Amino acid sequence: MAGSVSTFALGSSDCLTVETTQRPGGIARTGFATYPWRPARWLTLAGTAAGGWVLDWYVALTSVADANVLMSESSAEPAPVIVLPYFAGSGTLDNDPTGRGAVVGLTLDISRPQLTRAFLEAAGYELGSIVSALTAAGVRVGQVRAVGTGATDPITLGVRASAADVALTPAIGNASARGAALLAGVGIGLFDIDDLPSITLAATAHPDPKTVDWYARRRQTYRDLYRALQPFNQRFE
């Protein structure tokens, strides 16, 4: 049912996809991209060009051989620093090619586990900002199912869910390959597109209730930081 379930892909790029029964009317003069894909069905997309790529860059910088070990050692507490993940320009909300990545709040006391968590939180901050903007535009996001490599680890997915204040339910398996196979099946008449085989879901990662207020303030700071740094980012052009 359109609007009841959306998909958040955590791969090289991060992308939230929302389906509606008509073209959303509240997104004029916004950065959201929306497309018709079948009769009475529209897809609206938003995300960042560099999602997993930012984590890859961070892993390479630390010279850690096993990225999973680095992610698993992330701090159990919210990070005292904020990462702006605009390493390939800003996300959909601003569509600013001059956007730059930044780590703000560094001190001599910051540990690697804290910095690692900050990089994970960045995807959550961006998702939370996107969901807020869609909601304000009258677009219902509904339940969010997480797919991609970034959705496979429950601990790191929980960090993102808390930072976004959005529950994330991971879909098990290779979502892209499965989707392509199902659409091929629809094309040859094997499946009805309105009655596709169900997918297997893992346990939902819920926002930590102890950090809801903290992350609400941090998401606002996250957006404020982008605006504050924007004129300086343009000087790098």
Protein backbone atom coordinates (compact mmCIF):
# COMPACT_ATOMS: atom_id res chain seq x y z
CA MET A 1 0.00 0.00 0.00
CA ALA A 2 1.51 3.31 -1.08
CA GLY A 3 2.69 5.44 1.80
CA SER A 4 2.63 2.60 4.34
CA VAL A 5 6.19 1.35 3.75
CA SER A 6 9.28 3.20 2.52
CA THR A 7 12.79 1.94 1.79
CA PHE A 8 16.05 3.32 3.13
CA ALA A 9 19.00 1.98 1.13
CA LEU A 10 22.33 2.06 2.96
CA GLY A 11 24.93 1.38 0.32
CA SER A 12 27.61 3.41 -1.41
CA SER A 13 24.97 6.14 -1.41
CA ASP A 14 22.13 6.51 1.09
CA CYS A 15 18.64 6.89 -0.37
CA LEU A 16 15.12 7.01 1.07
CA THR A 17 12.36 6.05 -1.40
CA VAL A 18 8.72 6.82 -0.67
CA GLU A 19 5.77 5.71 -2.82
CA THR A 20 2.57 7.77 -3.16
CA THR A 21 -0.58 7.37 -5.24
CA GLN A 22 -0.14 10.79 -6.86
CA ARG A 23 2.58 13.35 -7.40
CA PRO A 24 3.29 14.94 -4.01
CA GLY A 25 1.91 18.45 -4.05
CA GLY A 26 4.07 19.95 -1.32
CA ILE A 27 7.52 19.44 -2.81
CA ALA A 28 7.57 22.30 -5.32
CA ARG A 29 10.79 24.32 -5.02
CA THR A 30 12.39 21.63 -2.88
CA GLY A 31 15.30 19.35 -3.70
CA PHE A 32 13.18 16.19 -3.76
CA ALA A 33 13.08 14.14 -6.94
CA THR A 34 9.79 12.46 -7.82
CA TYR A 35 8.90 10.20 -10.75
CA PRO A 36 5.85 8.26 -12.00
CA TRP A 37 6.69 4.59 -12.31
CA ARG A 38 3.28 3.02 -12.98
CA PRO A 39 -0.34 4.22 -13.13
CA ALA A 40 -1.31 6.08 -9.93
CA ARG A 41 2.11 5.44 -8.38
CA TRP A 42 4.90 7.94 -7.80
CA LEU A 43 8.30 7.46 -6.23
CA THR A 44 9.94 10.31 -4.34
CA LEU A 45 13.64 9.93 -3.57
CA ALA A 46 16.03 11.71 -1.25
CA GLY A 47 19.50 10.95 0.04
CA THR A 48 23.21 11.65 -0.05
CA ALA A 49 25.62 10.88 -2.86
CA ALA A 50 28.26 9.55 -0.46
CA GLY A 51 26.92 7.21 2.23
CA GLY A 52 28.96 4.04 2.51
CA TRP A 53 31.71 5.77 0.56
CA VAL A 54 32.23 8.10 3.50
CA LEU A 55 32.64 5.12 5.82
CA ASP A 56 35.04 3.53 3.33
CA TRP A 57 37.10 6.74 3.38
CA TYR A 58 37.12 6.75 7.18
CA VAL A 59 38.11 3.08 7.38
CA ALA A 60 40.96 3.64 4.92
CA LEU A 61 42.14 6.64 6.92
CA THR A 62 42.36 4.58 10.11
CA SER A 63 44.29 1.80 8.32
CA VAL A 64 42.10 -0.82 9.99
CA ALA A 65 42.07 -4.03 7.99
CA ASP A 66 38.59 -5.15 9.10
CA ALA A 67 35.90 -2.51 8.74
CA ASN A 68 33.44 -4.61 10.74
CA VAL A 69 35.78 -4.57 13.74
CA LEU A 70 36.09 -0.80 13.53
CA MET A 71 32.31 -0.34 13.36
CA SER A 72 31.67 -2.76 16.20
CA GLU A 73 33.98 -0.84 18.53
CA SER A 74 31.99 2.38 18.12
CA SER A 75 31.03 4.11 21.34
CA ALA A 76 27.88 2.96 23.13
CA GLU A 77 27.08 6.60 23.96
CA PRO A 78 26.15 9.42 21.57
CA ALA A 79 29.20 11.03 20.02
CA PRO A 80 30.31 14.46 21.28
CA VAL A 81 31.22 15.49 17.72
CA ILE A 82 29.14 15.83 14.54
CA VAL A 83 30.12 14.63 11.07
CA LEU A 84 28.68 16.33 7.98
CA PRO A 85 28.78 13.52 5.38
CA TYR A 86 28.81 15.79 2.32
CA PHE A 87 32.01 14.35 0.87
CA ALA A 88 30.45 14.45 -2.63
CA GLY A 89 28.28 17.54 -2.25
CA SER A 90 25.30 17.98 0.04
CA GLY A 91 22.26 15.76 0.11
CA THR A 92 18.88 16.09 -1.55
CA LEU A 93 17.56 18.71 0.83
CA ASP A 94 19.97 21.31 -0.54
CA ASN A 95 21.44 19.78 -3.71
CA ASP A 96 24.55 21.83 -3.17
CA PRO A 97 27.56 20.57 -5.17
CA THR A 98 29.83 22.86 -3.15
CA GLY A 99 28.92 21.05 0.08
CA ARG A 100 31.91 19.63 1.93
CA GLY A 101 32.43 17.03 4.60
CA ALA A 102 33.30 18.22 8.08
CA VAL A 103 33.96 16.94 11.58
CA VAL A 104 32.95 19.55 14.13
CA GLY A 105 33.64 19.50 17.86
CA LEU A 106 37.03 17.79 17.97
CA THR A 107 39.09 18.00 21.14
CA LEU A 108 42.16 16.19 22.42
CA ASP A 109 39.84 13.94 24.44
CA ILE A 110 37.94 12.49 21.46
CA SER A 111 38.51 8.75 21.08
CA ARG A 112 38.37 6.63 17.95
CA PRO A 113 35.21 4.81 19.13
CA GLN A 114 33.51 8.19 19.59
CA LEU A 115 34.59 9.35 16.15
CA THR A 116 33.45 6.08 14.61
CA ARG A 117 30.01 6.52 16.15
CA ALA A 118 29.85 10.07 14.80
CA PHE A 119 30.35 8.77 11.27
CA LEU A 120 27.52 6.28 11.80
CA GLU A 121 25.26 8.94 13.29
CA ALA A 122 25.72 11.15 10.22
CA ALA A 123 23.52 8.86 8.10
CA GLY A 124 20.88 8.99 10.83
CA TYR A 125 20.96 12.77 11.06
CA GLU A 126 20.49 13.05 7.30
CA LEU A 127 17.65 10.51 7.30
CA GLY A 128 15.91 12.30 10.17
CA SER A 129 16.20 15.62 8.34
CA ILE A 130 14.77 14.09 5.16
CA VAL A 131 11.82 12.48 6.98
CA SER A 132 11.03 15.79 8.71
CA ALA A 133 11.12 17.64 5.39
CA LEU A 134 8.89 15.07 3.69
CA THR A 135 6.43 15.13 6.57
CA ALA A 136 6.30 18.93 6.43
CA ALA A 137 5.56 18.66 2.70
CA GLY A 138 2.65 16.33 3.39
CA VAL A 139 4.39 13.14 2.24
CA ARG A 140 3.70 10.16 4.49
CA VAL A 141 6.79 8.03 5.03
CA GLY A 142 5.24 5.20 7.06
CA GLN A 143 7.36 2.25 8.16
CA VAL A 144 10.95 2.34 6.95
CA ARG A 145 12.65 -0.83 5.78
CA ALA A 146 16.43 -0.73 5.62
CA VAL A 147 18.33 -2.52 2.87
CA GLY A 148 21.93 -2.69 1.73
CA THR A 149 25.20 -3.49 3.45
CA GLY A 150 24.64 -0.79 6.07
CA ALA A 151 21.48 -2.55 7.24
CA THR A 152 23.09 -5.89 8.04
CA ASP A 153 24.53 -5.07 11.46
CA PRO A 154 21.92 -4.51 14.22
CA ILE A 155 24.23 -2.41 16.42
CA THR A 156 25.21 0.11 13.76
CA LEU A 157 21.64 0.16 12.43
CA GLY A 158 20.48 1.00 15.95
CA VAL A 159 22.86 3.96 16.05
CA ARG A 160 21.38 5.29 12.82
CA ALA A 161 17.81 4.70 14.04
CA SER A 162 18.48 6.65 17.23
CA ALA A 163 20.18 9.52 15.43
CA ALA A 164 17.27 9.75 12.98
CA ASP A 165 14.50 9.06 15.51
CA VAL A 166 13.15 6.63 12.94
CA ALA A 167 12.57 2.91 13.49
CA LEU A 168 14.42 0.86 10.86
CA THR A 169 13.40 -2.68 9.95
CA PRO A 170 16.09 -4.52 7.96
CA ALA A 171 15.07 -6.69 5.01
CA ILE A 172 17.17 -9.85 4.84
CA GLY A 173 18.95 -10.70 1.61
CA ASN A 174 20.18 -8.84 -1.43
CA ALA A 175 17.36 -6.36 -1.98
CA SER A 176 18.57 -5.00 -5.32
CA ALA A 177 18.98 -8.43 -6.92
CA ARG A 178 15.69 -9.62 -5.44
CA GLY A 179 13.83 -6.57 -6.72
CA ALA A 180 15.27 -6.98 -10.20
CA ALA A 181 14.32 -10.67 -10.25
CA LEU A 182 10.77 -9.93 -9.10
CA LEU A 183 10.30 -7.23 -11.73
CA ALA A 184 11.58 -9.65 -14.35
CA GLY A 185 9.05 -12.15 -13.05
CA VAL A 186 6.30 -9.56 -13.37
CA GLY A 187 7.42 -8.86 -16.93
CA ILE A 188 7.00 -12.49 -17.97
CA GLY A 189 3.75 -12.93 -16.08
CA LEU A 190 5.12 -15.02 -13.25
CA PHE A 191 4.09 -12.52 -10.53
CA ASP A 192 1.38 -9.92 -10.01
CA ILE A 193 3.08 -6.64 -9.09
CA ASP A 194 0.37 -5.99 -6.50
CA ASP A 195 0.82 -9.42 -4.93
CA LEU A 196 4.54 -10.14 -4.79
CA PRO A 197 6.08 -12.81 -2.53
CA SER A 198 6.68 -11.51 0.97
CA ILE A 199 10.17 -10.65 2.14
CA THR A 200 11.92 -11.81 5.30
CA LEU A 201 12.43 -9.08 7.88
CA ALA A 202 14.85 -8.99 10.80
CA ALA A 203 14.25 -7.35 14.16
CA THR A 204 13.41 -3.66 14.01
CA ALA A 205 16.01 -1.22 15.33
CA HIS A 206 14.15 1.30 17.45
CA PRO A 207 15.46 4.69 18.61
CA ASP A 208 16.85 4.53 22.12
CA PRO A 209 14.26 6.34 24.29
CA LYS A 210 17.03 7.61 26.57
CA THR A 211 18.58 9.64 23.75
CA VAL A 212 15.50 10.98 21.94
CA ASP A 213 15.79 14.52 23.29
CA TRP A 214 19.59 14.58 22.83
CA TYR A 215 19.36 13.56 19.19
CA ALA A 216 16.51 15.99 18.49
CA ARG A 217 18.85 18.82 19.48
CA ARG A 218 21.76 17.31 17.56
CA ARG A 219 19.73 17.01 14.36
CA GLN A 220 18.97 20.71 14.56
CA THR A 221 22.64 21.47 15.16
CA TYR A 222 23.49 19.23 12.19
CA ARG A 223 21.30 21.30 9.88
CA ASP A 224 22.54 24.58 11.37
CA LEU A 225 26.15 23.54 10.80
CA TYR A 226 25.59 22.98 7.09
CA ARG A 227 24.10 26.46 6.72
CA ALA A 228 26.88 28.04 8.78
CA LEU A 229 29.63 26.34 6.76
CA GLN A 230 28.04 26.87 3.35
CA PRO A 231 29.69 30.24 2.56
CA PHE A 232 33.08 28.84 3.59
CA ASN A 233 32.61 25.68 1.51
CA GLN A 234 32.07 27.79 -1.58
CA ARG A 235 35.53 29.28 -1.16
CA PHE A 236 37.04 25.87 -1.98
CA GLU A 237 35.68 26.04 -5.52
